[in-house]
N, C-alpha and C. Protein backbone atom coordinates (compact mmCIF):
# COMPACT_ATOMS: atom_id res chain seq x y z
N UNK A 1 54.10 58.16 -66.05
CA UNK A 1 53.48 59.29 -66.62
C UNK A 1 52.11 59.59 -65.80
N UNK A 2 51.52 60.48 -65.01
CA UNK A 2 50.70 60.67 -64.77
C UNK A 2 50.04 61.45 -65.81
N UNK A 3 48.23 60.83 -65.42
CA UNK A 3 47.59 61.44 -66.33
C UNK A 3 46.14 61.88 -65.41
N UNK A 4 45.92 63.44 -65.81
CA UNK A 4 44.55 63.68 -64.90
C UNK A 4 43.60 64.40 -66.26
N UNK A 5 42.40 63.34 -65.97
CA UNK A 5 41.21 63.82 -67.29
C UNK A 5 40.49 64.52 -66.39
N UNK A 6 39.94 65.54 -66.82
CA UNK A 6 38.60 66.62 -65.83
C UNK A 6 37.33 66.36 -67.00
N UNK A 7 36.25 66.18 -66.60
CA UNK A 7 35.09 66.26 -66.96
C UNK A 7 33.46 66.56 -66.38
N UNK A 8 32.81 66.95 -66.56
CA UNK A 8 31.54 67.39 -66.29
C UNK A 8 31.05 68.78 -66.32
N UNK A 9 31.67 69.04 -67.41
CA UNK A 9 31.62 70.66 -67.50
C UNK A 9 30.74 71.16 -68.22
N UNK A 10 29.73 72.13 -68.13
CA UNK A 10 28.98 72.40 -68.95
C UNK A 10 28.22 73.74 -69.12
N UNK A 11 27.21 73.70 -69.43
CA UNK A 11 26.50 75.58 -69.47
C UNK A 11 25.25 74.85 -68.37
N UNK A 12 24.89 76.06 -67.38
CA UNK A 12 24.50 75.90 -66.69
C UNK A 12 23.34 77.30 -66.02
N UNK A 13 21.97 77.34 -65.69
CA UNK A 13 21.53 78.38 -65.38
C UNK A 13 21.91 78.54 -63.39
N UNK A 14 21.87 80.51 -63.70
CA UNK A 14 22.37 80.25 -62.28
C UNK A 14 21.36 79.83 -61.28
N UNK A 15 22.10 79.19 -59.93
CA UNK A 15 21.48 78.99 -59.02
C UNK A 15 21.85 77.27 -58.96
N UNK A 16 22.22 76.96 -60.26
CA UNK A 16 22.09 75.47 -60.77
C UNK A 16 23.21 74.66 -59.64
N UNK A 17 23.32 73.39 -60.64
CA UNK A 17 24.35 72.47 -59.94
C UNK A 17 25.33 72.14 -61.12
N UNK A 18 26.76 71.82 -61.09
CA UNK A 18 27.15 70.75 -61.57
C UNK A 18 28.26 69.98 -61.04
N UNK A 19 28.58 68.50 -61.27
CA UNK A 19 29.39 67.56 -60.64
C UNK A 19 30.86 67.93 -61.57
N UNK A 20 32.22 67.86 -61.27
CA UNK A 20 33.22 67.86 -61.89
C UNK A 20 33.72 66.75 -61.58
N UNK A 21 34.18 65.52 -62.50
CA UNK A 21 34.98 64.99 -62.34
C UNK A 21 36.34 64.79 -62.62
N UNK A 22 37.32 64.29 -62.08
CA UNK A 22 39.03 64.20 -62.06
C UNK A 22 39.51 62.88 -62.08
N UNK A 23 39.60 62.45 -63.28
CA UNK A 23 40.50 60.72 -63.15
C UNK A 23 41.71 60.83 -63.47
N UNK A 24 42.22 60.08 -62.40
CA UNK A 24 43.65 60.18 -62.45
C UNK A 24 44.51 59.10 -61.94
N UNK A 25 45.69 58.72 -62.85
CA UNK A 25 46.21 57.86 -63.14
C UNK A 25 47.30 57.65 -63.25
N UNK A 26 48.37 56.54 -63.46
CA UNK A 26 50.00 57.05 -63.42
C UNK A 26 50.44 56.63 -62.39
N UNK A 27 50.36 56.60 -61.34
CA UNK A 27 50.56 56.52 -60.07
C UNK A 27 49.68 56.32 -58.65
N UNK A 28 50.73 55.97 -57.63
CA UNK A 28 49.81 56.09 -56.08
C UNK A 28 50.07 57.44 -55.51
N UNK A 29 48.47 58.08 -55.81
CA UNK A 29 48.09 59.41 -54.66
C UNK A 29 48.00 59.34 -53.57
N UNK A 30 48.41 58.68 -52.82
CA UNK A 30 48.14 58.73 -51.28
C UNK A 30 48.89 59.74 -50.58
N UNK A 31 49.98 60.31 -50.94
CA UNK A 31 50.63 61.08 -50.20
C UNK A 31 50.38 62.49 -51.17
N UNK A 32 49.54 62.95 -52.19
CA UNK A 32 49.29 63.68 -52.44
C UNK A 32 48.34 64.53 -52.34
N UNK A 33 48.18 65.60 -52.80
CA UNK A 33 47.08 66.70 -53.06
C UNK A 33 46.73 66.97 -54.18
N UNK A 34 44.92 66.63 -54.42
CA UNK A 34 44.66 66.82 -55.11
C UNK A 34 43.61 68.56 -55.17
N UNK A 35 44.39 69.28 -55.93
CA UNK A 35 43.27 70.69 -56.13
C UNK A 35 42.52 70.82 -57.78
N UNK A 36 41.51 72.07 -57.34
CA UNK A 36 40.88 72.36 -58.29
C UNK A 36 40.60 73.79 -58.21
N UNK A 37 41.57 74.33 -59.90
CA UNK A 37 41.71 76.04 -59.97
C UNK A 37 40.54 76.39 -61.08
N UNK A 38 40.80 77.28 -61.61
CA UNK A 38 39.73 77.61 -62.39
C UNK A 38 40.40 79.21 -62.64
N UNK A 39 40.13 79.07 -64.27
CA UNK A 39 40.41 80.38 -65.32
C UNK A 39 39.41 81.27 -65.75
N UNK A 40 38.71 82.69 -65.54
CA UNK A 40 38.28 82.97 -66.26
C UNK A 40 38.78 83.84 -67.54
N UNK A 41 38.46 83.70 -68.47
CA UNK A 41 39.12 85.06 -69.47
C UNK A 41 39.70 86.29 -68.74
N UNK A 42 40.76 86.36 -69.20
CA UNK A 42 41.47 88.08 -68.79
C UNK A 42 41.92 87.61 -67.66
N UNK A 43 41.77 86.75 -66.49
CA UNK A 43 41.82 86.61 -65.39
C UNK A 43 42.90 85.90 -64.72
N UNK A 44 43.58 85.72 -63.57
CA UNK A 44 44.70 84.76 -63.71
C UNK A 44 44.20 83.15 -63.13
N UNK A 45 44.68 82.38 -63.02
CA UNK A 45 44.19 80.98 -62.35
C UNK A 45 44.29 80.87 -60.87
N UNK A 46 42.87 80.88 -60.53
CA UNK A 46 42.79 80.97 -59.09
C UNK A 46 42.48 79.71 -58.64
N UNK A 47 43.12 79.30 -57.15
CA UNK A 47 42.40 78.08 -56.33
C UNK A 47 41.04 78.28 -56.24
N UNK A 48 40.32 77.03 -56.38
CA UNK A 48 39.04 76.59 -55.72
C UNK A 48 38.87 75.99 -54.31
N UNK A 49 39.85 74.65 -54.65
CA UNK A 49 39.47 73.61 -53.74
C UNK A 49 40.86 72.62 -53.80
N UNK A 50 40.74 71.89 -52.33
CA UNK A 50 41.70 71.05 -52.69
C UNK A 50 41.53 70.07 -51.66
N UNK A 51 41.99 68.73 -51.70
CA UNK A 51 42.13 67.48 -50.88
C UNK A 51 43.27 67.03 -50.63
N UNK A 52 43.05 66.57 -49.56
CA UNK A 52 44.31 65.65 -49.38
C UNK A 52 44.27 63.74 -49.99
N UNK A 53 44.56 63.77 -50.52
CA UNK A 53 44.17 62.19 -50.74
C UNK A 53 44.63 61.33 -49.71
N UNK A 54 45.41 61.40 -49.19
CA UNK A 54 45.35 60.00 -48.34
C UNK A 54 44.52 60.46 -46.33
N UNK A 55 44.72 61.65 -46.23
CA UNK A 55 44.00 62.28 -45.34
C UNK A 55 42.67 62.34 -45.30
N UNK A 56 42.15 62.88 -46.47
CA UNK A 56 40.89 63.70 -47.04
C UNK A 56 40.39 64.66 -46.26
N UNK A 57 41.49 65.59 -46.02
CA UNK A 57 41.39 67.12 -45.19
C UNK A 57 40.71 67.86 -46.51
N UNK A 58 40.11 68.48 -46.25
CA UNK A 58 39.84 69.57 -47.56
C UNK A 58 39.92 70.91 -47.07
N UNK A 59 40.35 71.74 -48.17
CA UNK A 59 40.36 73.09 -48.26
C UNK A 59 39.12 74.10 -49.89
N UNK A 60 39.12 75.14 -49.20
CA UNK A 60 38.73 75.66 -49.98
C UNK A 60 38.92 77.27 -49.74
N UNK A 61 38.38 77.80 -51.14
CA UNK A 61 38.64 79.24 -51.64
C UNK A 61 37.67 80.04 -50.65
N UNK A 62 37.12 81.27 -50.12
CA UNK A 62 36.57 82.20 -49.47
C UNK A 62 35.07 82.06 -50.41
N UNK A 63 35.79 82.12 -51.94
CA UNK A 63 34.49 82.79 -52.30
C UNK A 63 33.64 81.39 -52.82
N UNK A 64 33.66 80.34 -52.27
CA UNK A 64 32.95 79.16 -53.07
C UNK A 64 32.63 77.93 -51.58
N UNK A 65 33.26 78.58 -50.50
CA UNK A 65 32.95 77.83 -49.15
C UNK A 65 31.35 77.65 -49.13
N UNK A 66 30.71 76.87 -48.64
CA UNK A 66 29.72 76.97 -48.43
C UNK A 66 28.52 75.92 -49.90
N UNK A 67 29.76 76.55 -50.98
CA UNK A 67 28.63 76.35 -52.37
C UNK A 67 29.28 74.68 -52.56
N UNK A 68 30.16 74.68 -52.53
CA UNK A 68 31.41 73.80 -53.65
C UNK A 68 31.48 72.62 -52.55
N UNK A 69 31.76 71.26 -52.91
CA UNK A 69 32.16 70.30 -51.94
C UNK A 69 33.33 69.43 -52.66
N UNK A 70 34.50 69.37 -52.51
CA UNK A 70 35.23 68.32 -52.59
C UNK A 70 35.50 67.22 -52.49
N UNK A 71 35.47 66.12 -52.83
CA UNK A 71 35.47 64.63 -52.26
C UNK A 71 36.53 64.01 -53.18
N UNK A 72 36.56 62.47 -52.91
CA UNK A 72 37.31 62.06 -53.96
C UNK A 72 36.92 60.67 -53.82
N UNK A 73 37.03 59.38 -54.34
CA UNK A 73 36.97 58.17 -54.36
C UNK A 73 38.19 57.33 -54.66
N UNK A 74 39.10 56.77 -53.42
CA UNK A 74 40.31 56.40 -53.91
C UNK A 74 39.98 55.27 -54.35
N UNK A 75 39.17 54.39 -54.44
CA UNK A 75 39.07 53.09 -55.65
C UNK A 75 39.19 53.54 -56.92
N UNK A 76 38.20 54.91 -56.93
CA UNK A 76 38.13 54.91 -58.47
C UNK A 76 39.31 56.05 -59.32
N UNK A 77 39.67 56.54 -58.20
CA UNK A 77 41.28 56.93 -58.64
C UNK A 77 40.68 58.56 -58.70
N UNK A 78 39.53 59.03 -58.67
CA UNK A 78 38.70 60.09 -58.74
C UNK A 78 38.21 61.03 -57.82
N UNK A 79 38.70 61.99 -58.19
CA UNK A 79 38.10 62.99 -57.09
C UNK A 79 37.32 64.38 -57.67
N UNK A 80 36.09 64.41 -56.93
CA UNK A 80 35.04 65.50 -57.51
C UNK A 80 34.98 66.59 -56.72
N UNK A 81 34.28 67.61 -57.80
CA UNK A 81 33.67 68.75 -56.91
C UNK A 81 32.48 69.27 -57.76
N UNK A 82 31.30 68.93 -56.17
CA UNK A 82 30.19 69.69 -56.41
C UNK A 82 29.88 70.52 -56.68
N UNK A 83 29.00 71.17 -57.19
CA UNK A 83 28.97 72.74 -57.43
C UNK A 83 27.78 73.11 -57.47
N UNK A 84 27.72 73.61 -56.06
CA UNK A 84 25.97 73.65 -55.92
C UNK A 84 25.77 75.44 -56.20
N UNK A 85 24.52 75.77 -55.97
CA UNK A 85 24.08 77.83 -56.02
C UNK A 85 24.87 78.39 -57.01
N UNK A 86 25.62 77.71 -58.08
CA UNK A 86 26.41 78.05 -58.77
C UNK A 86 26.18 79.90 -59.59
N UNK A 87 26.99 80.97 -59.62
CA UNK A 87 26.74 82.42 -60.01
C UNK A 87 27.52 82.31 -61.43
N UNK A 88 27.37 83.55 -62.07
CA UNK A 88 27.70 84.06 -63.16
C UNK A 88 29.68 83.53 -62.85
N UNK A 89 29.63 84.49 -61.54
CA UNK A 89 31.12 84.10 -61.58
C UNK A 89 32.16 83.61 -61.05
N UNK A 90 30.90 82.03 -61.55
CA UNK A 90 32.01 80.70 -61.31
C UNK A 90 32.57 80.34 -62.71
N UNK A 91 31.94 81.06 -63.91
CA UNK A 91 32.34 80.62 -65.34
C UNK A 91 33.59 80.74 -65.01
N UNK A 92 34.01 79.83 -65.97
CA UNK A 92 35.61 79.83 -65.79
C UNK A 92 35.46 78.33 -66.40
N UNK A 93 36.92 78.06 -66.66
CA UNK A 93 37.78 76.96 -67.52
C UNK A 93 38.65 76.06 -65.96
N UNK A 94 37.88 75.20 -65.66
CA UNK A 94 38.46 74.89 -64.42
C UNK A 94 39.61 73.49 -64.43
N UNK A 95 40.56 73.18 -64.32
CA UNK A 95 41.62 72.80 -63.80
C UNK A 95 41.91 71.62 -63.05
N UNK A 96 41.67 70.43 -62.59
CA UNK A 96 42.33 69.60 -61.59
C UNK A 96 43.55 69.41 -62.08
N UNK A 97 44.35 69.39 -60.55
CA UNK A 97 45.60 69.28 -60.45
C UNK A 97 46.41 68.69 -59.43
N UNK A 98 47.34 67.98 -59.13
CA UNK A 98 48.17 66.90 -58.11
C UNK A 98 49.65 67.62 -58.10
N UNK A 99 49.60 67.75 -56.75
CA UNK A 99 51.31 67.64 -56.30
C UNK A 99 51.71 67.34 -54.85
N UNK A 100 52.71 67.34 -54.25
CA UNK A 100 52.87 67.04 -52.97
C UNK A 100 53.66 68.76 -52.84
N UNK A 101 52.88 69.00 -51.44
CA UNK A 101 53.48 70.23 -50.61
C UNK A 101 52.76 70.45 -49.24
N UNK A 102 53.39 71.72 -48.53
CA UNK A 102 53.02 71.68 -47.43
C UNK A 102 51.71 72.67 -47.55
N UNK A 103 50.79 72.22 -46.19
CA UNK A 103 49.39 72.97 -45.96
C UNK A 103 49.37 73.87 -46.20
N UNK A 104 50.60 75.27 -45.92
CA UNK A 104 50.34 76.42 -46.28
C UNK A 104 50.24 77.04 -47.56
N UNK A 105 50.77 75.77 -48.94
CA UNK A 105 51.49 76.37 -50.21
C UNK A 105 49.64 75.20 -51.12
N UNK A 106 48.93 74.80 -50.11
CA UNK A 106 47.67 74.35 -51.52
C UNK A 106 47.26 74.93 -52.38
N UNK A 107 47.10 76.38 -51.46
CA UNK A 107 46.06 77.30 -53.02
C UNK A 107 47.22 77.73 -54.31
N UNK A 108 48.75 77.25 -53.89
CA UNK A 108 49.60 77.91 -55.11
C UNK A 108 50.07 76.89 -56.21
N UNK A 109 49.52 77.71 -57.62
CA UNK A 109 49.48 76.11 -58.58
C UNK A 109 50.71 76.34 -58.90
N UNK A 110 52.10 76.84 -58.85
CA UNK A 110 53.16 76.26 -58.72
C UNK A 110 54.05 75.20 -58.26
N UNK A 111 52.84 75.23 -56.98
CA UNK A 111 53.09 73.53 -56.34
C UNK A 111 52.77 72.62 -56.64
N UNK A 112 51.82 72.54 -58.01
CA UNK A 112 51.25 71.40 -58.36
C UNK A 112 52.13 70.86 -59.58
N UNK A 113 52.18 69.42 -59.66
CA UNK A 113 53.31 69.37 -61.06
C UNK A 113 52.26 68.91 -62.18
N UNK A 114 50.84 68.66 -61.86
CA UNK A 114 50.83 67.87 -63.32
C UNK A 114 49.33 68.37 -63.05
N UNK A 115 48.73 68.67 -64.51
CA UNK A 115 47.40 69.46 -64.59
C UNK A 115 46.95 68.52 -65.36
N UNK A 116 45.52 68.56 -65.59
CA UNK A 116 44.37 68.10 -66.16
C UNK A 116 44.40 69.22 -67.57
N UNK A 117 43.69 69.06 -68.61
CA UNK A 117 43.25 70.06 -69.14
C UNK A 117 42.57 71.06 -69.39
N UNK A 118 41.68 70.63 -68.55
CA UNK A 118 40.20 71.60 -68.11
C UNK A 118 39.30 71.41 -69.07
N UNK A 119 38.14 71.93 -67.99
CA UNK A 119 37.06 71.69 -68.55
C UNK A 119 36.20 73.38 -68.23
N UNK A 120 35.31 73.03 -68.72
CA UNK A 120 34.37 74.64 -69.49
C UNK A 120 33.27 74.33 -68.30
N UNK A 121 32.99 75.64 -67.79
CA UNK A 121 31.76 75.80 -66.58
C UNK A 121 31.49 77.18 -67.05
N UNK A 122 30.25 77.09 -67.86
CA UNK A 122 29.51 78.65 -68.22
C UNK A 122 28.31 78.22 -66.89
N UNK A 123 28.19 79.98 -66.55
CA UNK A 123 27.07 79.53 -65.73
C UNK A 123 26.17 81.13 -66.22
N UNK A 124 25.25 80.59 -66.76
CA UNK A 124 24.24 82.08 -67.55
C UNK A 124 23.38 82.46 -66.47
N UNK A 125 23.18 84.02 -66.36
CA UNK A 125 22.39 84.65 -65.95
C UNK A 125 21.16 84.78 -65.59
């Protein structure tokens, strides 16, 4: 049984930083991709970032490139999303997800098989 548990969300002022964590368990993830998605009220879920668990290759949405950094700790089976220079438009529920997919599909949420419960990030102006 795969389990993904996010933590680290909260309220922060614009320009501030937060680090989200996603602890994964239930299987060996070396061939998987771990992604972060977010969903704001009234909007569709959107891709934020992803990392190949085995390769360490990283991928980012244009809207967060240069501000967010995704990383992993294989020993802890945990993936992190360091978010700097936060903006009010970053406000959303952030979800981690895991799946196996081609590189071209990394930003597509249906390609991910397992999802966490989400953590709220609120950025005030």
